[in-house]
N, C-alpha and C. Protein backbone atom coordinates (compact mmCIF):
# COMPACT_ATOMS: atom_id res chain seq x y z
N VAL A 1 0.83 -1.18 0.00
CA VAL A 1 0.00 0.00 0.00
C VAL A 1 0.88 1.26 0.00
N ASN A 2 2.01 1.20 0.73
CA ASN A 2 2.91 2.36 0.76
C ASN A 2 3.48 2.70 -0.61
N ARG A 3 3.54 1.75 -1.49
CA ARG A 3 4.10 1.96 -2.83
C ARG A 3 3.00 2.07 -3.88
N GLY A 4 1.77 2.27 -3.44
CA GLY A 4 0.66 2.42 -4.38
C GLY A 4 0.17 1.11 -4.96
N VAL A 5 0.52 -0.01 -4.34
CA VAL A 5 0.09 -1.32 -4.80
C VAL A 5 -1.19 -1.67 -4.04
N CYS A 6 -2.31 -1.58 -4.74
CA CYS A 6 -3.60 -1.76 -4.07
C CYS A 6 -4.44 -2.88 -4.65
N SER A 7 -4.08 -3.39 -5.81
CA SER A 7 -4.88 -4.44 -6.44
C SER A 7 -4.01 -5.67 -6.68
N TYR A 8 -4.66 -6.76 -7.00
CA TYR A 8 -3.96 -8.00 -7.31
C TYR A 8 -3.04 -7.81 -8.52
N GLU A 9 -3.54 -7.15 -9.56
CA GLU A 9 -2.74 -6.94 -10.78
C GLU A 9 -1.51 -6.08 -10.48
N GLN A 10 -1.68 -5.05 -9.66
CA GLN A 10 -0.54 -4.21 -9.30
C GLN A 10 0.47 -5.00 -8.47
N ALA A 11 -0.01 -5.83 -7.56
CA ALA A 11 0.87 -6.66 -6.74
C ALA A 11 1.63 -7.65 -7.61
N LYS A 12 0.93 -8.27 -8.56
CA LYS A 12 1.56 -9.22 -9.46
C LYS A 12 2.66 -8.54 -10.27
N GLU A 13 2.39 -7.35 -10.76
CA GLU A 13 3.38 -6.61 -11.54
C GLU A 13 4.56 -6.19 -10.66
N PHE A 14 4.28 -5.81 -9.41
CA PHE A 14 5.33 -5.38 -8.49
C PHE A 14 6.25 -6.53 -8.11
N PHE A 15 5.69 -7.70 -7.81
CA PHE A 15 6.49 -8.84 -7.35
C PHE A 15 7.04 -9.70 -8.48
N ARG A 16 6.59 -9.47 -9.69
CA ARG A 16 7.11 -10.19 -10.86
C ARG A 16 7.56 -9.16 -11.89
N PRO A 17 8.64 -8.45 -11.60
CA PRO A 17 9.06 -7.37 -12.50
C PRO A 17 9.50 -7.89 -13.86
N ASN A 18 9.43 -7.02 -14.84
CA ASN A 18 9.79 -7.35 -16.20
C ASN A 18 10.84 -6.33 -16.66
N LEU A 19 11.94 -6.78 -17.23
CA LEU A 19 13.01 -5.87 -17.66
C LEU A 19 12.52 -4.81 -18.64
N SER A 20 11.53 -5.17 -19.46
CA SER A 20 11.04 -4.20 -20.45
C SER A 20 10.30 -3.03 -19.81
N LYS A 21 9.92 -3.16 -18.54
CA LYS A 21 9.19 -2.09 -17.87
C LYS A 21 10.09 -1.21 -16.99
N LEU A 22 11.39 -1.51 -16.97
CA LEU A 22 12.31 -0.68 -16.20
C LEU A 22 12.53 0.66 -16.91
N HIS A 23 12.78 1.69 -16.13
CA HIS A 23 13.11 2.99 -16.71
C HIS A 23 14.49 2.94 -17.33
N ASP A 24 14.70 3.73 -18.34
CA ASP A 24 16.00 3.86 -18.97
C ASP A 24 16.95 4.58 -18.01
N PRO A 25 18.03 3.94 -17.56
CA PRO A 25 18.93 4.59 -16.60
C PRO A 25 19.59 5.84 -17.17
N PHE A 26 19.65 5.95 -18.49
CA PHE A 26 20.27 7.13 -19.09
C PHE A 26 19.37 8.36 -19.06
N LEU A 27 18.17 8.21 -18.47
CA LEU A 27 17.34 9.38 -18.21
C LEU A 27 17.85 10.15 -16.99
N MET A 28 18.69 9.49 -16.17
CA MET A 28 19.30 10.18 -15.03
C MET A 28 20.33 11.18 -15.55
N LYS A 29 20.36 12.33 -14.93
CA LYS A 29 21.26 13.40 -15.36
C LYS A 29 22.72 12.91 -15.31
N ASP A 30 23.43 13.12 -16.39
CA ASP A 30 24.86 12.83 -16.53
C ASP A 30 25.22 11.35 -16.41
N MET A 31 24.25 10.45 -16.61
CA MET A 31 24.56 9.02 -16.58
C MET A 31 25.60 8.67 -17.64
N ASP A 32 25.50 9.27 -18.81
CA ASP A 32 26.47 8.99 -19.87
C ASP A 32 27.89 9.38 -19.45
N LEU A 33 28.01 10.49 -18.73
CA LEU A 33 29.34 10.90 -18.24
C LEU A 33 29.88 9.90 -17.22
N ALA A 34 29.01 9.43 -16.33
CA ALA A 34 29.44 8.47 -15.31
C ALA A 34 29.87 7.15 -15.94
N VAL A 35 29.10 6.65 -16.89
CA VAL A 35 29.44 5.39 -17.55
C VAL A 35 30.75 5.54 -18.31
N ASN A 36 30.91 6.64 -19.03
CA ASN A 36 32.16 6.85 -19.77
C ASN A 36 33.35 6.95 -18.84
N ARG A 37 33.18 7.57 -17.68
CA ARG A 37 34.29 7.69 -16.72
C ARG A 37 34.67 6.32 -16.17
N ILE A 38 33.69 5.50 -15.86
CA ILE A 38 33.97 4.15 -15.36
C ILE A 38 34.68 3.32 -16.44
N LEU A 39 34.20 3.40 -17.68
CA LEU A 39 34.84 2.66 -18.77
C LEU A 39 36.28 3.13 -18.98
N LYS A 40 36.51 4.43 -18.88
CA LYS A 40 37.86 4.97 -19.01
C LYS A 40 38.75 4.46 -17.88
N SER A 41 38.19 4.38 -16.67
CA SER A 41 39.00 3.89 -15.54
C SER A 41 39.36 2.42 -15.70
N ILE A 42 38.48 1.66 -16.33
CA ILE A 42 38.80 0.25 -16.60
C ILE A 42 39.93 0.16 -17.61
N ASP A 43 39.85 0.95 -18.68
CA ASP A 43 40.92 0.96 -19.69
C ASP A 43 42.26 1.36 -19.09
N ARG A 44 42.24 2.31 -18.17
CA ARG A 44 43.47 2.81 -17.55
C ARG A 44 43.91 1.99 -16.34
N GLN A 45 43.11 0.99 -15.97
CA GLN A 45 43.37 0.16 -14.78
C GLN A 45 43.46 1.00 -13.51
N GLU A 46 42.59 2.02 -13.40
CA GLU A 46 42.48 2.81 -12.18
C GLU A 46 41.62 2.05 -11.18
N SER A 47 41.86 2.27 -9.92
CA SER A 47 41.05 1.65 -8.87
C SER A 47 39.71 2.35 -8.74
N ILE A 48 38.66 1.56 -8.58
CA ILE A 48 37.31 2.09 -8.39
C ILE A 48 36.86 1.75 -6.98
N MET A 49 36.59 2.76 -6.18
CA MET A 49 36.09 2.57 -4.82
C MET A 49 34.57 2.63 -4.86
N ILE A 50 33.92 1.62 -4.32
CA ILE A 50 32.46 1.58 -4.31
C ILE A 50 31.97 1.80 -2.89
N PHE A 51 31.17 2.84 -2.71
CA PHE A 51 30.58 3.17 -1.42
C PHE A 51 29.10 2.83 -1.44
N GLY A 52 28.61 2.28 -0.35
CA GLY A 52 27.18 2.04 -0.20
C GLY A 52 26.82 2.14 1.27
N ASP A 53 25.54 2.26 1.57
CA ASP A 53 25.15 2.39 2.98
C ASP A 53 24.72 1.04 3.57
N TYR A 54 24.29 1.07 4.83
CA TYR A 54 24.05 -0.16 5.59
C TYR A 54 22.68 -0.80 5.39
N ASP A 55 21.83 -0.26 4.52
CA ASP A 55 20.52 -0.89 4.36
C ASP A 55 20.57 -1.95 3.26
N VAL A 56 19.46 -2.63 3.07
CA VAL A 56 19.42 -3.77 2.14
C VAL A 56 19.80 -3.37 0.72
N ASP A 57 19.22 -2.29 0.21
CA ASP A 57 19.55 -1.91 -1.16
C ASP A 57 20.99 -1.43 -1.29
N GLY A 58 21.53 -0.82 -0.24
CA GLY A 58 22.92 -0.38 -0.29
C GLY A 58 23.89 -1.54 -0.34
N ILE A 59 23.70 -2.51 0.52
CA ILE A 59 24.59 -3.68 0.56
C ILE A 59 24.48 -4.49 -0.73
N CYS A 60 23.24 -4.71 -1.19
CA CYS A 60 23.05 -5.47 -2.44
C CYS A 60 23.64 -4.75 -3.64
N SER A 61 23.47 -3.44 -3.70
CA SER A 61 23.98 -2.70 -4.85
C SER A 61 25.51 -2.68 -4.87
N VAL A 62 26.14 -2.60 -3.69
CA VAL A 62 27.61 -2.67 -3.63
C VAL A 62 28.07 -4.04 -4.12
N ALA A 63 27.42 -5.09 -3.66
CA ALA A 63 27.79 -6.44 -4.07
C ALA A 63 27.59 -6.65 -5.57
N LEU A 64 26.45 -6.22 -6.10
CA LEU A 64 26.18 -6.39 -7.53
C LEU A 64 27.14 -5.58 -8.40
N LEU A 65 27.32 -4.32 -8.05
CA LEU A 65 28.19 -3.48 -8.87
C LEU A 65 29.64 -3.94 -8.82
N SER A 66 30.13 -4.30 -7.63
CA SER A 66 31.52 -4.74 -7.55
C SER A 66 31.72 -6.05 -8.30
N THR A 67 30.77 -6.97 -8.20
CA THR A 67 30.87 -8.24 -8.93
C THR A 67 30.88 -8.00 -10.44
N TYR A 68 29.97 -7.14 -10.90
CA TYR A 68 29.90 -6.85 -12.34
C TYR A 68 31.17 -6.15 -12.82
N LEU A 69 31.60 -5.13 -12.10
CA LEU A 69 32.78 -4.39 -12.55
C LEU A 69 34.03 -5.28 -12.58
N LYS A 70 34.19 -6.14 -11.59
CA LYS A 70 35.32 -7.07 -11.60
C LYS A 70 35.23 -8.02 -12.79
N LYS A 71 34.01 -8.45 -13.10
CA LYS A 71 33.82 -9.38 -14.22
C LYS A 71 34.20 -8.76 -15.56
N ILE A 72 34.01 -7.44 -15.70
CA ILE A 72 34.36 -6.79 -16.97
C ILE A 72 35.77 -6.19 -16.94
N GLY A 73 36.55 -6.55 -15.91
CA GLY A 73 37.95 -6.17 -15.88
C GLY A 73 38.32 -4.97 -15.05
N ALA A 74 37.39 -4.46 -14.26
CA ALA A 74 37.70 -3.30 -13.42
C ALA A 74 38.57 -3.70 -12.24
N LYS A 75 39.35 -2.75 -11.80
CA LYS A 75 40.19 -2.93 -10.61
C LYS A 75 39.42 -2.39 -9.41
N VAL A 76 38.76 -3.29 -8.67
CA VAL A 76 37.98 -2.92 -7.48
C VAL A 76 38.67 -3.57 -6.29
N PRO A 77 39.52 -2.82 -5.59
CA PRO A 77 40.24 -3.42 -4.46
C PRO A 77 39.28 -3.83 -3.35
N SER A 78 39.64 -4.88 -2.63
CA SER A 78 38.76 -5.35 -1.56
C SER A 78 38.49 -4.25 -0.55
N MET A 79 39.48 -3.38 -0.31
CA MET A 79 39.27 -2.28 0.60
C MET A 79 38.39 -1.20 -0.03
N GLY A 80 38.23 -1.28 -1.35
CA GLY A 80 37.44 -0.29 -2.05
C GLY A 80 35.95 -0.49 -1.92
N ILE A 81 35.52 -1.58 -1.29
CA ILE A 81 34.10 -1.83 -1.12
C ILE A 81 33.75 -1.52 0.33
N LEU A 82 33.38 -0.29 0.58
CA LEU A 82 33.10 0.15 1.94
C LEU A 82 31.61 0.41 2.13
N ILE A 83 31.08 -0.08 3.21
CA ILE A 83 29.69 0.20 3.56
C ILE A 83 29.73 1.33 4.59
N PHE A 84 29.01 2.39 4.36
CA PHE A 84 29.18 3.59 5.15
C PHE A 84 27.90 4.42 5.21
N ASP A 85 28.00 5.53 5.86
CA ASP A 85 26.94 6.53 5.81
C ASP A 85 27.42 7.67 4.91
N PHE A 86 26.52 8.55 4.53
CA PHE A 86 26.85 9.59 3.56
C PHE A 86 27.97 10.51 4.06
N ASP A 87 27.95 10.84 5.34
CA ASP A 87 28.99 11.72 5.88
C ASP A 87 30.37 11.10 5.74
N SER A 88 30.46 9.78 5.91
CA SER A 88 31.74 9.09 5.73
C SER A 88 32.21 9.19 4.29
N PHE A 89 31.28 9.13 3.36
CA PHE A 89 31.66 9.26 1.95
C PHE A 89 32.30 10.61 1.69
N VAL A 90 31.67 11.66 2.19
CA VAL A 90 32.20 13.01 1.98
C VAL A 90 33.61 13.10 2.54
N GLN A 91 33.83 12.57 3.75
CA GLN A 91 35.15 12.62 4.36
C GLN A 91 36.16 11.79 3.57
N ASN A 92 35.77 10.58 3.13
CA ASN A 92 36.67 9.71 2.37
C ASN A 92 36.93 10.23 0.97
N ALA A 93 35.96 10.91 0.38
CA ALA A 93 36.14 11.43 -0.97
C ALA A 93 37.20 12.53 -1.00
N LEU A 94 37.39 13.20 0.14
CA LEU A 94 38.42 14.23 0.21
C LEU A 94 39.82 13.63 0.23
N ASN A 95 39.95 12.37 0.66
CA ASN A 95 41.24 11.69 0.71
C ASN A 95 41.02 10.26 0.22
N PRO A 96 40.77 10.09 -1.08
CA PRO A 96 40.37 8.78 -1.59
C PRO A 96 41.50 7.75 -1.61
N VAL A 97 41.13 6.50 -1.37
CA VAL A 97 42.05 5.37 -1.49
C VAL A 97 42.16 4.96 -2.95
N ALA A 98 41.07 5.14 -3.71
CA ALA A 98 41.04 4.80 -5.13
C ALA A 98 40.85 6.07 -5.95
N SER A 99 41.18 5.98 -7.23
CA SER A 99 41.10 7.17 -8.07
C SER A 99 39.68 7.48 -8.54
N VAL A 100 38.77 6.51 -8.46
CA VAL A 100 37.40 6.74 -8.91
C VAL A 100 36.42 6.35 -7.81
N PRO A 101 35.98 7.30 -6.99
CA PRO A 101 34.96 6.99 -5.98
C PRO A 101 33.59 6.87 -6.64
N THR A 102 32.83 5.86 -6.25
CA THR A 102 31.51 5.59 -6.83
C THR A 102 30.53 5.31 -5.70
N THR A 103 29.32 5.82 -5.80
CA THR A 103 28.32 5.56 -4.76
C THR A 103 27.17 4.73 -5.32
N THR A 104 26.55 3.96 -4.43
CA THR A 104 25.37 3.19 -4.79
C THR A 104 24.33 3.34 -3.69
N ALA A 105 23.10 3.59 -4.06
CA ALA A 105 21.96 3.59 -3.13
C ALA A 105 22.22 4.36 -1.84
N VAL A 106 22.77 5.55 -1.97
CA VAL A 106 23.07 6.36 -0.79
C VAL A 106 22.06 7.49 -0.70
N GLY A 107 21.28 7.48 0.37
CA GLY A 107 20.29 8.53 0.56
C GLY A 107 20.91 9.79 1.10
N VAL A 108 20.86 10.87 0.35
CA VAL A 108 21.48 12.11 0.80
C VAL A 108 20.68 12.77 1.92
N GLU A 109 19.43 12.36 2.12
CA GLU A 109 18.66 12.96 3.21
C GLU A 109 19.25 12.62 4.57
N LYS A 110 20.13 11.62 4.64
CA LYS A 110 20.76 11.22 5.88
C LYS A 110 21.95 12.09 6.24
N SER A 111 22.38 12.92 5.33
CA SER A 111 23.60 13.68 5.52
C SER A 111 23.42 14.86 6.45
N THR A 112 24.45 15.11 7.26
CA THR A 112 24.45 16.32 8.08
C THR A 112 24.96 17.51 7.27
N PHE A 113 25.44 17.24 6.02
CA PHE A 113 25.95 18.29 5.16
C PHE A 113 24.85 18.95 4.34
N SER A 114 23.60 18.45 4.41
CA SER A 114 22.52 19.01 3.59
C SER A 114 22.14 20.38 4.06
């Protein structure tokens, strides 16, 4: 009900997602720039640090993205997969361990910097 799922058909669609119904990720502002930067970092063998937060979508997205990036040849150091809060990201981004910091599923409303 919190997600507007009120009927059987809506529930069926919600719990049995279809790839053809997903939004195009390139509708997000500057997604093309982010993808190109990641691809460039793979070509250059730069380290990619993946940050995510402590909730279910944060942990899963860090695991999925790091697995995928490693599979396509990215250099994702084991220390580069950090689960954190947004404030920690801001502090770590100022002194990065890897050359390409990347975030997944991080809610900015949690930040004290807002």
